[in-house]
PDB file of N, CA and C in Angstrom:
ATOM      1  N   MET A   1      27.895  18.428  -9.110  1.00  0.00           N
ATOM      2  CA  MET A   1      27.091  17.632 -10.037  1.00  0.00           C
ATOM      3  C   MET A   1      26.685  18.510 -11.221  1.00  0.00           C
ATOM      4  N   GLU A   2      26.698  17.939 -12.391  1.00  0.00           N
ATOM      5  CA  GLU A   2      26.329  18.667 -13.598  1.00  0.00           C
ATOM      6  C   GLU A   2      24.825  18.922 -13.628  1.00  0.00           C
ATOM      7  N   PRO A   3      24.388  20.008 -14.270  1.00  0.00           N
ATOM      8  CA  PRO A   3      22.949  20.307 -14.349  1.00  0.00           C
ATOM      9  C   PRO A   3      22.132  19.161 -14.922  1.00  0.00           C
ATOM     10  N   ASP A   4      22.651  18.456 -15.953  1.00  0.00           N
ATOM     11  CA  ASP A   4      21.903  17.351 -16.552  1.00  0.00           C
ATOM     12  C   ASP A   4      21.677  16.228 -15.548  1.00  0.00           C
ATOM     13  N   ARG A   5      22.682  15.946 -14.742  1.00  0.00           N
ATOM     14  CA  ARG A   5      22.531  14.895 -13.728  1.00  0.00           C
ATOM     15  C   ARG A   5      21.527  15.295 -12.654  1.00  0.00           C
ATOM     16  N   LYS A   6      21.563  16.549 -12.242  1.00  0.00           N
ATOM     17  CA  LYS A   6      20.597  17.033 -11.253  1.00  0.00           C
ATOM     18  C   LYS A   6      19.182  16.906 -11.808  1.00  0.00           C
ATOM     19  N   MET A   7      19.007  17.300 -13.059  1.00  0.00           N
ATOM     20  CA  MET A   7      17.692  17.215 -13.692  1.00  0.00           C
ATOM     21  C   MET A   7      17.258  15.765 -13.811  1.00  0.00           C
ATOM     22  N   GLY A   8      18.180  14.871 -14.172  1.00  0.00           N
ATOM     23  CA  GLY A   8      17.853  13.455 -14.289  1.00  0.00           C
ATOM     24  C   GLY A   8      17.422  12.861 -12.967  1.00  0.00           C
ATOM     25  N   ALA A   9      18.127  13.199 -11.891  1.00  0.00           N
ATOM     26  CA  ALA A   9      17.767  12.693 -10.566  1.00  0.00           C
ATOM     27  C   ALA A   9      16.403  13.236 -10.144  1.00  0.00           C
ATOM     28  N   TRP A  10      16.156  14.505 -10.400  1.00  0.00           N
ATOM     29  CA  TRP A  10      14.863  15.098 -10.056  1.00  0.00           C
ATOM     30  C   TRP A  10      13.753  14.423 -10.859  1.00  0.00           C
ATOM     31  N   TRP A  11      13.992  14.235 -12.163  1.00  0.00           N
ATOM     32  CA  TRP A  11      12.976  13.634 -13.017  1.00  0.00           C
ATOM     33  C   TRP A  11      12.618  12.236 -12.538  1.00  0.00           C
ATOM     34  N   ARG A  12      13.626  11.415 -12.236  1.00  0.00           N
ATOM     35  CA  ARG A  12      13.366  10.044 -11.763  1.00  0.00           C
ATOM     36  C   ARG A  12      12.592  10.063 -10.451  1.00  0.00           C
ATOM     37  N   GLN A  13      12.967  10.947  -9.534  1.00  0.00           N
ATOM     38  CA  GLN A  13      12.286  10.992  -8.233  1.00  0.00           C
ATOM     39  C   GLN A  13      10.849  11.477  -8.378  1.00  0.00           C
ATOM     40  N   GLU A  14      10.619  12.453  -9.214  1.00  0.00           N
ATOM     41  CA  GLU A  14       9.284  13.028  -9.382  1.00  0.00           C
ATOM     42  C   GLU A  14       8.387  12.180 -10.274  1.00  0.00           C
ATOM     43  N   TRP A  15       8.943  11.643 -11.360  1.00  0.00           N
ATOM     44  CA  TRP A  15       8.134  10.960 -12.351  1.00  0.00           C
ATOM     45  C   TRP A  15       8.148   9.448 -12.229  1.00  0.00           C
ATOM     46  N   ALA A  16       9.235   8.873 -11.734  1.00  0.00           N
ATOM     47  CA  ALA A  16       9.335   7.412 -11.623  1.00  0.00           C
ATOM     48  C   ALA A  16      10.168   7.040 -10.391  1.00  0.00           C
ATOM     49  N   PRO A  17       9.678   7.396  -9.206  1.00  0.00           N
ATOM     50  CA  PRO A  17      10.445   7.115  -7.990  1.00  0.00           C
ATOM     51  C   PRO A  17      10.516   5.614  -7.701  1.00  0.00           C
ATOM     52  N   SER A  18      11.495   5.219  -6.913  1.00  0.00           N
ATOM     53  CA  SER A  18      11.641   3.805  -6.565  1.00  0.00           C
ATOM     54  C   SER A  18      10.729   3.411  -5.405  1.00  0.00           C
ATOM     55  N   SER A  19      10.271   4.418  -4.623  1.00  0.00           N
ATOM     56  CA  SER A  19       9.404   4.119  -3.477  1.00  0.00           C
ATOM     57  C   SER A  19       8.533   5.326  -3.151  1.00  0.00           C
ATOM     58  N   VAL A  20       7.506   5.072  -2.342  1.00  0.00           N
ATOM     59  CA  VAL A  20       6.650   6.143  -1.818  1.00  0.00           C
ATOM     60  C   VAL A  20       6.457   5.888  -0.328  1.00  0.00           C
ATOM     61  N   THR A  21       6.154   6.943   0.397  1.00  0.00           N
ATOM     62  CA  THR A  21       5.851   6.817   1.816  1.00  0.00           C
ATOM     63  C   THR A  21       4.335   6.781   1.972  1.00  0.00           C
ATOM     64  N   VAL A  22       3.838   5.749   2.655  1.00  0.00           N
ATOM     65  CA  VAL A  22       2.395   5.596   2.865  1.00  0.00           C
ATOM     66  C   VAL A  22       2.011   6.246   4.199  1.00  0.00           C
ATOM     67  N   PRO A  23       0.712   6.444   4.463  1.00  0.00           N
ATOM     68  CA  PRO A  23       0.279   7.133   5.678  1.00  0.00           C
ATOM     69  C   PRO A  23       0.842   6.574   6.996  1.00  0.00           C
ATOM     70  N   SER A  24       1.167   5.281   7.027  1.00  0.00           N
ATOM     71  CA  SER A  24       1.741   4.710   8.248  1.00  0.00           C
ATOM     72  C   SER A  24       3.156   5.211   8.503  1.00  0.00           C
ATOM     73  N   GLY A  25       3.761   5.831   7.475  1.00  0.00           N
ATOM     74  CA  GLY A  25       5.120   6.326   7.589  1.00  0.00           C
ATOM     75  C   GLY A  25       6.164   5.404   6.976  1.00  0.00           C
ATOM     76  N   ARG A  26       5.739   4.237   6.534  1.00  0.00           N
ATOM     77  CA  ARG A  26       6.664   3.271   5.947  1.00  0.00           C
ATOM     78  C   ARG A  26       6.899   3.591   4.476  1.00  0.00           C
ATOM     79  N   LYS A  27       8.161   3.431   4.047  1.00  0.00           N
ATOM     80  CA  LYS A  27       8.492   3.560   2.631  1.00  0.00           C
ATOM     81  C   LYS A  27       8.220   2.228   1.958  1.00  0.00           C
ATOM     82  N   VAL A  28       7.492   2.267   0.841  1.00  0.00           N
ATOM     83  CA  VAL A  28       7.101   1.063   0.126  1.00  0.00           C
ATOM     84  C   VAL A  28       7.666   1.129  -1.291  1.00  0.00           C
ATOM     85  N   ALA A  29       8.319   0.057  -1.719  1.00  0.00           N
ATOM     86  CA  ALA A  29       8.901   0.003  -3.060  1.00  0.00           C
ATOM     87  C   ALA A  29       7.801  -0.041  -4.120  1.00  0.00           C
ATOM     88  N   ILE A  30       8.029   0.661  -5.211  1.00  0.00           N
ATOM     89  CA  ILE A  30       7.101   0.657  -6.344  1.00  0.00           C
ATOM     90  C   ILE A  30       7.559  -0.393  -7.347  1.00  0.00           C
ATOM     91  N   SER A  31       6.627  -1.229  -7.766  1.00  0.00           N
ATOM     92  CA  SER A  31       6.910  -2.235  -8.783  1.00  0.00           C
ATOM     93  C   SER A  31       6.512  -1.678 -10.148  1.00  0.00           C
ATOM     94  N   TYR A  32       7.458  -1.725 -11.073  1.00  0.00           N
ATOM     95  CA  TYR A  32       7.196  -1.292 -12.442  1.00  0.00           C
ATOM     96  C   TYR A  32       7.139  -2.492 -13.383  1.00  0.00           C
ATOM     97  N   GLU A  33       6.992  -3.681 -12.836  1.00  0.00           N
ATOM     98  CA  GLU A  33       7.050  -4.907 -13.633  1.00  0.00           C
ATOM     99  C   GLU A  33       5.808  -5.123 -14.498  1.00  0.00           C
ATOM    100  N   ASP A  34       4.644  -4.676 -14.044  1.00  0.00           N
ATOM    101  CA  ASP A  34       3.409  -4.863 -14.809  1.00  0.00           C
ATOM    102  C   ASP A  34       3.084  -3.605 -15.605  1.00  0.00           C
ATOM    103  N   ASP A  35       1.957  -3.614 -16.280  1.00  0.00           N
ATOM    104  CA  ASP A  35       1.552  -2.467 -17.096  1.00  0.00           C
ATOM    105  C   ASP A  35       1.331  -1.201 -16.266  1.00  0.00           C
ATOM    106  N   VAL A  36       0.912  -1.386 -15.020  1.00  0.00           N
ATOM    107  CA  VAL A  36       0.604  -0.256 -14.146  1.00  0.00           C
ATOM    108  C   VAL A  36       1.542  -0.300 -12.938  1.00  0.00           C
ATOM    109  N   PRO A  37       2.242   0.802 -12.649  1.00  0.00           N
ATOM    110  CA  PRO A  37       3.083   0.826 -11.448  1.00  0.00           C
ATOM    111  C   PRO A  37       2.238   0.550 -10.205  1.00  0.00           C
ATOM    112  N   ALA A  38       2.775  -0.260  -9.284  1.00  0.00           N
ATOM    113  CA  ALA A  38       1.971  -0.713  -8.143  1.00  0.00           C
ATOM    114  C   ALA A  38       2.806  -0.808  -6.878  1.00  0.00           C
ATOM    115  N   ILE A  39       2.099  -0.784  -5.752  1.00  0.00           N
ATOM    116  CA  ILE A  39       2.711  -1.072  -4.456  1.00  0.00           C
ATOM    117  C   ILE A  39       1.858  -2.105  -3.735  1.00  0.00           C
ATOM    118  N   GLU A  40       2.499  -2.920  -2.921  1.00  0.00           N
ATOM    119  CA  GLU A  40       1.795  -3.831  -2.019  1.00  0.00           C
ATOM    120  C   GLU A  40       1.863  -3.216  -0.641  1.00  0.00           C
ATOM    121  N   VAL A  41       0.700  -3.047  -0.029  1.00  0.00           N
ATOM    122  CA  VAL A  41       0.630  -2.385   1.267  1.00  0.00           C
ATOM    123  C   VAL A  41      -0.529  -2.969   2.069  1.00  0.00           C
ATOM    124  N   LYS A  42      -0.326  -3.110   3.368  1.00  0.00           N
ATOM    125  CA  LYS A  42      -1.424  -3.568   4.228  1.00  0.00           C
ATOM    126  C   LYS A  42      -2.499  -2.483   4.281  1.00  0.00           C
ATOM    127  N   ILE A  43      -3.742  -2.923   4.280  1.00  0.00           N
ATOM    128  CA  ILE A  43      -4.864  -1.980   4.291  1.00  0.00           C
ATOM    129  C   ILE A  43      -4.719  -0.973   5.428  1.00  0.00           C
ATOM    130  N   GLN A  44      -4.353  -1.450   6.614  1.00  0.00           N
ATOM    131  CA  GLN A  44      -4.296  -0.551   7.769  1.00  0.00           C
ATOM    132  C   GLN A  44      -3.220   0.529   7.610  1.00  0.00           C
ATOM    133  N   GLU A  45      -2.241   0.296   6.728  1.00  0.00           N
ATOM    134  CA  GLU A  45      -1.220   1.319   6.490  1.00  0.00           C
ATOM    135  C   GLU A  45      -1.756   2.479   5.655  1.00  0.00           C
ATOM    136  N   MET A  46      -2.918   2.301   5.050  1.00  0.00           N
ATOM    137  CA  MET A  46      -3.533   3.353   4.238  1.00  0.00           C
ATOM    138  C   MET A  46      -4.635   4.089   4.991  1.00  0.00           C
ATOM    139  N   PHE A  47      -4.936   3.662   6.233  1.00  0.00           N
ATOM    140  CA  PHE A  47      -5.961   4.349   7.014  1.00  0.00           C
ATOM    141  C   PHE A  47      -5.601   5.833   7.127  1.00  0.00           C
ATOM    142  N   GLY A  48      -6.598   6.662   6.932  1.00  0.00           N
ATOM    143  CA  GLY A  48      -6.408   8.100   7.018  1.00  0.00           C
ATOM    144  C   GLY A  48      -6.171   8.756   5.664  1.00  0.00           C
ATOM    145  N   ALA A  49      -5.848   7.970   4.654  1.00  0.00           N
ATOM    146  CA  ALA A  49      -5.624   8.524   3.314  1.00  0.00           C
ATOM    147  C   ALA A  49      -6.925   8.534   2.535  1.00  0.00           C
ATOM    148  N   GLU A  50      -7.261   9.672   1.985  1.00  0.00           N
ATOM    149  CA  GLU A  50      -8.444   9.750   1.141  1.00  0.00           C
ATOM    150  C   GLU A  50      -8.123   9.343  -0.288  1.00  0.00           C
ATOM    151  N   LYS A  51      -6.899   9.631  -0.708  1.00  0.00           N
ATOM    152  CA  LYS A  51      -6.447   9.287  -2.057  1.00  0.00           C
ATOM    153  C   LYS A  51      -5.163   8.492  -1.947  1.00  0.00           C
ATOM    154  N   GLY A  52      -4.915   7.669  -2.947  1.00  0.00           N
ATOM    155  CA  GLY A  52      -3.693   6.890  -2.974  1.00  0.00           C
ATOM    156  C   GLY A  52      -2.529   7.702  -3.514  1.00  0.00           C
ATOM    157  N   PRO A  53      -1.318   7.191  -3.349  1.00  0.00           N
ATOM    158  CA  PRO A  53      -0.145   7.894  -3.866  1.00  0.00           C
ATOM    159  C   PRO A  53      -0.113   7.899  -5.391  1.00  0.00           C
ATOM    160  N   THR A  54       0.553   8.908  -5.936  1.00  0.00           N
ATOM    161  CA  THR A  54       0.664   9.064  -7.380  1.00  0.00           C
ATOM    162  C   THR A  54       2.129   9.234  -7.774  1.00  0.00           C
ATOM    163  N   ILE A  55       2.389   9.042  -9.066  1.00  0.00           N
ATOM    164  CA  ILE A  55       3.694   9.336  -9.645  1.00  0.00           C
ATOM    165  C   ILE A  55       3.457  10.166 -10.903  1.00  0.00           C
ATOM    166  N   ALA A  56       4.492  10.374 -11.684  1.00  0.00           N
ATOM    167  CA  ALA A  56       4.398  11.138 -12.931  1.00  0.00           C
ATOM    168  C   ALA A  56       3.834  12.529 -12.676  1.00  0.00           C
ATOM    169  N   GLY A  57       4.405  13.192 -11.679  1.00  0.00           N
ATOM    170  CA  GLY A  57       3.968  14.547 -11.369  1.00  0.00           C
ATOM    171  C   GLY A  57       2.546  14.628 -10.855  1.00  0.00           C
ATOM    172  N   GLY A  58       2.061  13.539 -10.254  1.00  0.00           N
ATOM    173  CA  GLY A  58       0.706  13.515  -9.704  1.00  0.00           C
ATOM    174  C   GLY A  58      -0.355  13.070 -10.696  1.00  0.00           C
ATOM    175  N   SER A  59       0.059  12.735 -11.916  1.00  0.00           N
ATOM    176  CA  SER A  59      -0.936  12.401 -12.944  1.00  0.00           C
ATOM    177  C   SER A  59      -1.275  10.909 -13.028  1.00  0.00           C
ATOM    178  N   LEU A  60      -0.473  10.048 -12.368  1.00  0.00           N
ATOM    179  CA  LEU A  60      -0.714   8.607 -12.474  1.00  0.00           C
ATOM    180  C   LEU A  60      -0.857   7.989 -11.079  1.00  0.00           C
ATOM    181  N   PRO A  61      -2.088   7.600 -10.720  1.00  0.00           N
ATOM    182  CA  PRO A  61      -2.250   6.937  -9.417  1.00  0.00           C
ATOM    183  C   PRO A  61      -1.628   5.544  -9.450  1.00  0.00           C
ATOM    184  N   LEU A  62      -0.941   5.209  -8.380  1.00  0.00           N
ATOM    185  CA  LEU A  62      -0.372   3.869  -8.270  1.00  0.00           C
ATOM    186  C   LEU A  62      -1.483   2.856  -8.047  1.00  0.00           C
ATOM    187  N   GLN A  63      -1.303   1.667  -8.575  1.00  0.00           N
ATOM    188  CA  GLN A  63      -2.211   0.574  -8.259  1.00  0.00           C
ATOM    189  C   GLN A  63      -1.859   0.127  -6.839  1.00  0.00           C
ATOM    190  N   LEU A  64      -2.861   0.020  -5.997  1.00  0.00           N
ATOM    191  CA  LEU A  64      -2.660  -0.419  -4.614  1.00  0.00           C
ATOM    192  C   LEU A  64      -3.076  -1.871  -4.506  1.00  0.00           C
ATOM    193  N   ARG A  65      -2.135  -2.719  -4.188  1.00  0.00           N
ATOM    194  CA  ARG A  65      -2.429  -4.123  -3.922  1.00  0.00           C
ATOM    195  C   ARG A  65      -2.557  -4.220  -2.405  1.00  0.00           C
ATOM    196  N   LEU A  66      -3.781  -4.087  -1.958  1.00  0.00           N
ATOM    197  CA  LEU A  66      -4.064  -4.018  -0.525  1.00  0.00           C
ATOM    198  C   LEU A  66      -4.038  -5.413   0.088  1.00  0.00           C
ATOM    199  N   MET A  67      -3.289  -5.525   1.161  1.00  0.00           N
ATOM    200  CA  MET A  67      -3.075  -6.804   1.814  1.00  0.00           C
ATOM    201  C   MET A  67      -3.777  -6.817   3.167  1.00  0.00           C
ATOM    202  N   SER A  68      -4.157  -8.012   3.596  1.00  0.00           N
ATOM    203  CA  SER A  68      -4.744  -8.193   4.922  1.00  0.00           C
ATOM    204  C   SER A  68      -3.635  -8.013   5.961  1.00  0.00           C
ATOM    205  N   PRO A  69      -3.997  -7.916   7.240  1.00  0.00           N
ATOM    206  CA  PRO A  69      -2.965  -7.858   8.278  1.00  0.00           C
ATOM    207  C   PRO A  69      -2.028  -9.071   8.250  1.00  0.00           C
ATOM    208  N   ALA A  70      -2.507 -10.194   7.722  1.00  0.00           N
ATOM    209  CA  ALA A  70      -1.677 -11.399   7.611  1.00  0.00           C
ATOM    210  C   ALA A  70      -0.925 -11.440   6.279  1.00  0.00           C
ATOM    211  N   THR A  71      -0.893 -10.305   5.577  1.00  0.00           N
ATOM    212  CA  THR A  71      -0.247 -10.133   4.270  1.00  0.00           C
ATOM    213  C   THR A  71      -0.799 -11.041   3.174  1.00  0.00           C
ATOM    214  N   ARG A  72      -2.092 -11.309   3.227  1.00  0.00           N
ATOM    215  CA  ARG A  72      -2.774 -12.019   2.144  1.00  0.00           C
ATOM    216  C   ARG A  72      -3.468 -10.989   1.264  1.00  0.00           C
ATOM    217  N   PRO A  73      -3.547 -11.221  -0.050  1.00  0.00           N
ATOM    218  CA  PRO A  73      -4.238 -10.260  -0.918  1.00  0.00           C
ATOM    219  C   PRO A  73      -5.683 -10.047  -0.475  1.00  0.00           C
ATOM    220  N   ALA A  74      -6.088  -8.778  -0.396  1.00  0.00           N
ATOM    221  CA  ALA A  74      -7.449  -8.446   0.022  1.00  0.00           C
ATOM    222  C   ALA A  74      -8.206  -7.679  -1.062  1.00  0.00           C
ATOM    223  N   ALA A  75      -7.506  -6.780  -1.782  1.00  0.00           N
ATOM    224  CA  ALA A  75      -8.160  -5.983  -2.826  1.00  0.00           C
ATOM    225  C   ALA A  75      -7.092  -5.300  -3.672  1.00  0.00           C
ATOM    226  N   VAL A  76      -7.506  -4.880  -4.869  1.00  0.00           N
ATOM    227  CA  VAL A  76      -6.635  -4.128  -5.770  1.00  0.00           C
ATOM    228  C   VAL A  76      -7.434  -2.929  -6.263  1.00  0.00           C
ATOM    229  N   THR A  77      -6.824  -1.736  -6.203  1.00  0.00           N
ATOM    230  CA  THR A  77      -7.510  -0.525  -6.660  1.00  0.00           C
ATOM    231  C   THR A  77      -6.508   0.537  -7.075  1.00  0.00           C
ATOM    232  N   GLN A  78      -6.942   1.425  -7.936  1.00  0.00           N
ATOM    233  CA  GLN A  78      -6.207   2.643  -8.241  1.00  0.00           C
ATOM    234  C   GLN A  78      -7.004   3.851  -7.761  1.00  0.00           C
ATOM    235  N   ASP A  79      -8.191   3.607  -7.206  1.00  0.00           N
ATOM    236  CA  ASP A  79      -9.073   4.673  -6.740  1.00  0.00           C
ATOM    237  C   ASP A  79      -9.402   4.427  -5.273  1.00  0.00           C
ATOM    238  N   LEU A  80      -8.541   4.921  -4.403  1.00  0.00           N
ATOM    239  CA  LEU A  80      -8.705   4.673  -2.967  1.00  0.00           C
ATOM    240  C   LEU A  80      -9.983   5.304  -2.424  1.00  0.00           C
ATOM    241  N   THR A  81     -10.358   6.453  -2.945  1.00  0.00           N
ATOM    242  CA  THR A  81     -11.590   7.116  -2.491  1.00  0.00           C
ATOM    243  C   THR A  81     -12.801   6.204  -2.696  1.00  0.00           C
ATOM    244  N   SER A  82     -12.923   5.642  -3.892  1.00  0.00           N
ATOM    245  CA  SER A  82     -14.043   4.732  -4.178  1.00  0.00           C
ATOM    246  C   SER A  82     -13.918   3.442  -3.378  1.00  0.00           C
ATOM    247  N   PHE A  83     -12.692   2.962  -3.193  1.00  0.00           N
ATOM    248  CA  PHE A  83     -12.494   1.744  -2.408  1.00  0.00           C
ATOM    249  C   PHE A  83     -13.049   1.917  -1.003  1.00  0.00           C
ATOM    250  N   TRP A  84     -12.679   3.017  -0.328  1.00  0.00           N
ATOM    251  CA  TRP A  84     -13.177   3.227   1.042  1.00  0.00           C
ATOM    252  C   TRP A  84     -14.702   3.300   1.061  1.00  0.00           C
ATOM    253  N   ALA A  85     -15.288   3.971   0.084  1.00  0.00           N
ATOM    254  CA  ALA A  85     -16.740   4.174   0.074  1.00  0.00           C
ATOM    255  C   ALA A  85     -17.526   2.942  -0.364  1.00  0.00           C
ATOM    256  N   GLN A  86     -16.997   2.191  -1.326  1.00  0.00           N
ATOM    257  CA  GLN A  86     -17.791   1.124  -1.917  1.00  0.00           C
ATOM    258  C   GLN A  86     -17.314  -0.285  -1.557  1.00  0.00           C
ATOM    259  N   SER A  87     -16.039  -0.533  -1.652  1.00  0.00           N
ATOM    260  CA  SER A  87     -15.534  -1.905  -1.505  1.00  0.00           C
ATOM    261  C   SER A  87     -15.097  -2.263  -0.091  1.00  0.00           C
ATOM    262  N   TYR A  88     -14.581  -1.297   0.642  1.00  0.00           N
ATOM    263  CA  TYR A  88     -14.009  -1.592   1.949  1.00  0.00           C
ATOM    264  C   TYR A  88     -14.983  -2.271   2.918  1.00  0.00           C
ATOM    265  N   PRO A  89     -16.253  -1.839   2.992  1.00  0.00           N
ATOM    266  CA  PRO A  89     -17.155  -2.518   3.938  1.00  0.00           C
ATOM    267  C   PRO A  89     -17.219  -4.035   3.711  1.00  0.00           C
ATOM    268  N   ALA A  90     -17.260  -4.474   2.473  1.00  0.00           N
ATOM    269  CA  ALA A  90     -17.302  -5.920   2.190  1.00  0.00           C
ATOM    270  C   ALA A  90     -15.949  -6.570   2.471  1.00  0.00           C
ATOM    271  N   VAL A  91     -14.868  -5.906   2.102  1.00  0.00           N
ATOM    272  CA  VAL A  91     -13.527  -6.441   2.355  1.00  0.00           C
ATOM    273  C   VAL A  91     -13.291  -6.553   3.858  1.00  0.00           C
ATOM    274  N   ARG A  92     -13.745  -5.549   4.580  1.00  0.00           N
ATOM    275  CA  ARG A  92     -13.559  -5.538   6.048  1.00  0.00           C
ATOM    276  C   ARG A  92     -14.226  -6.759   6.691  1.00  0.00           C
ATOM    277  N   LYS A  93     -15.410  -7.119   6.210  1.00  0.00           N
ATOM    278  CA  LYS A  93     -16.101  -8.299   6.746  1.00  0.00           C
ATOM    279  C   LYS A  93     -15.268  -9.554   6.529  1.00  0.00           C
ATOM    280  N   ASP A  94     -14.612  -9.645   5.363  1.00  0.00           N
ATOM    281  CA  ASP A  94     -13.771 -10.811   5.076  1.00  0.00           C
ATOM    282  C   ASP A  94     -12.518 -10.845   5.946  1.00  0.00           C
ATOM    283  N   LEU A  95     -12.075  -9.670   6.404  1.00  0.00           N
ATOM    284  CA  LEU A  95     -10.849  -9.603   7.198  1.00  0.00           C
ATOM    285  C   LEU A  95     -11.086  -9.930   8.667  1.00  0.00           C
ATOM    286  N   VAL A  96     -12.323  -9.818   9.108  1.00  0.00           N
ATOM    287  CA  VAL A  96     -12.634 -10.104  10.506  1.00  0.00           C
ATOM    288  C   VAL A  96     -12.580 -11.606  10.714  1.00  0.00           C
ATOM    289  N   CYS A  97     -11.782 -12.023  11.664  1.00  0.00           N
ATOM    290  CA  CYS A  97     -11.688 -13.451  11.954  1.00  0.00           C
ATOM    291  C   CYS A  97     -11.956 -13.674  13.439  1.00  0.00           C
ATOM    292  N   VAL A  98     -12.447 -14.830  13.722  1.00  0.00           N
ATOM    293  CA  VAL A  98     -12.730 -15.196  15.103  1.00  0.00           C
ATOM    294  C   VAL A  98     -11.565 -16.039  15.607  1.00  0.00           C
ATOM    295  N   VAL A  99     -10.972 -15.594  16.699  1.00  0.00           N
ATOM    296  CA  VAL A  99      -9.841 -16.316  17.275  1.00  0.00           C
ATOM    297  C   VAL A  99     -10.365 -17.212  18.397  1.00  0.00           C
ATOM    298  N   PRO A 100     -10.170 -18.523  18.282  1.00  0.00           N
ATOM    299  CA  PRO A 100     -10.607 -19.401  19.355  1.00  0.00           C
ATOM    300  C   PRO A 100      -9.859 -19.055  20.651  1.00  0.00           C
ATOM    301  N   PRO A 101     -10.539 -19.117  21.790  1.00  0.00           N
ATOM    302  CA  PRO A 101      -9.882 -18.776  23.071  1.00  0.00           C
ATOM    303  C   PRO A 101      -8.606 -19.596  23.317  1.00  0.00           C
ATOM    304  N   THR A 102      -8.542 -20.812  22.808  1.00  0.00           N
ATOM    305  CA  THR A 102      -7.354 -21.629  23.043  1.00  0.00           C
ATOM    306  C   THR A 102      -6.111 -21.046  22.367  1.00  0.00           C
ATOM    307  N   CYS A 103      -6.305 -20.246  21.332  1.00  0.00           N
ATOM    308  CA  CYS A 103      -5.172 -19.632  20.662  1.00  0.00           C
ATOM    309  C   CYS A 103      -4.532 -18.540  21.524  1.00  0.00           C
ATOM    310  N   LEU A 104      -5.257 -18.076  22.503  1.00  0.00           N
ATOM    311  CA  LEU A 104      -4.742 -17.005  23.345  1.00  0.00           C
ATOM    312  C   LEU A 104      -3.988 -17.529  24.567  1.00  0.00           C
ATOM    313  N   LEU A 105      -4.037 -18.820  24.788  1.00  0.00           N
ATOM    314  CA  LEU A 105      -3.332 -19.399  25.929  1.00  0.00           C
ATOM    315  C   LEU A 105      -1.849 -19.513  25.638  1.00  0.00           C
ATOM    316  N   PRO A 106      -0.996 -19.286  26.637  1.00  0.00           N
ATOM    317  CA  PRO A 106       0.451 -19.417  26.398  1.00  0.00           C
ATOM    318  C   PRO A 106       0.805 -20.876  26.105  1.00  0.00           C
ATOM    319  N   VAL A 107       1.778 -21.050  25.258  1.00  0.00           N
ATOM    320  CA  VAL A 107       2.263 -22.380  24.910  1.00  0.00           C
ATOM    321  C   VAL A 107       3.284 -22.796  25.964  1.00  0.00           C
ATOM    322  N   ALA A 108       3.214 -24.049  26.399  1.00  0.00           N
ATOM    323  CA  ALA A 108       4.156 -24.552  27.408  1.00  0.00           C
ATOM    324  C   ALA A 108       5.587 -24.366  26.931  1.00  0.00           C
ATOM    325  N   GLY A 109       6.411 -23.849  27.817  1.00  0.00           N
ATOM    326  CA  GLY A 109       7.813 -23.659  27.499  1.00  0.00           C
ATOM    327  C   GLY A 109       8.112 -22.309  26.869  1.00  0.00           C
ATOM    328  N   SER A 110       7.076 -21.514  26.554  1.00  0.00           N
ATOM    329  CA  SER A 110       7.350 -20.175  25.992  1.00  0.00           C
ATOM    330  C   SER A 110       7.170 -19.139  27.085  1.00  0.00           C
ATOM    331  N   SER A 111       7.798 -18.034  26.894  1.00  0.00           N
ATOM    332  CA  SER A 111       7.665 -16.975  27.890  1.00  0.00           C
ATOM    333  C   SER A 111       7.159 -15.715  27.277  1.00  0.00           C
TER     334      SER A 111
END
């Protein structure tokens, strides 16, 4: 491979990668369609992370479109540290749902 191609591949991976790996270990595609590069990720996949992923050599935090376990929008942030400290307690309350006991019963004919 020519030096220019190697540099181009490195630049794209470091400055504008197509995906990032989140704390859960899953690779998530980065969307460049809006003004701010973003990923959609379930909140629980970010557990353990103090800061969100970045691109552009670490200078640009990705916008995190945090989803509920049911993949419904729950929150949007570029500052994961502040989200955990300030917003998460309220978001967490909205994510808690009560499952009626009848939902836990097996359906006839299923195994």
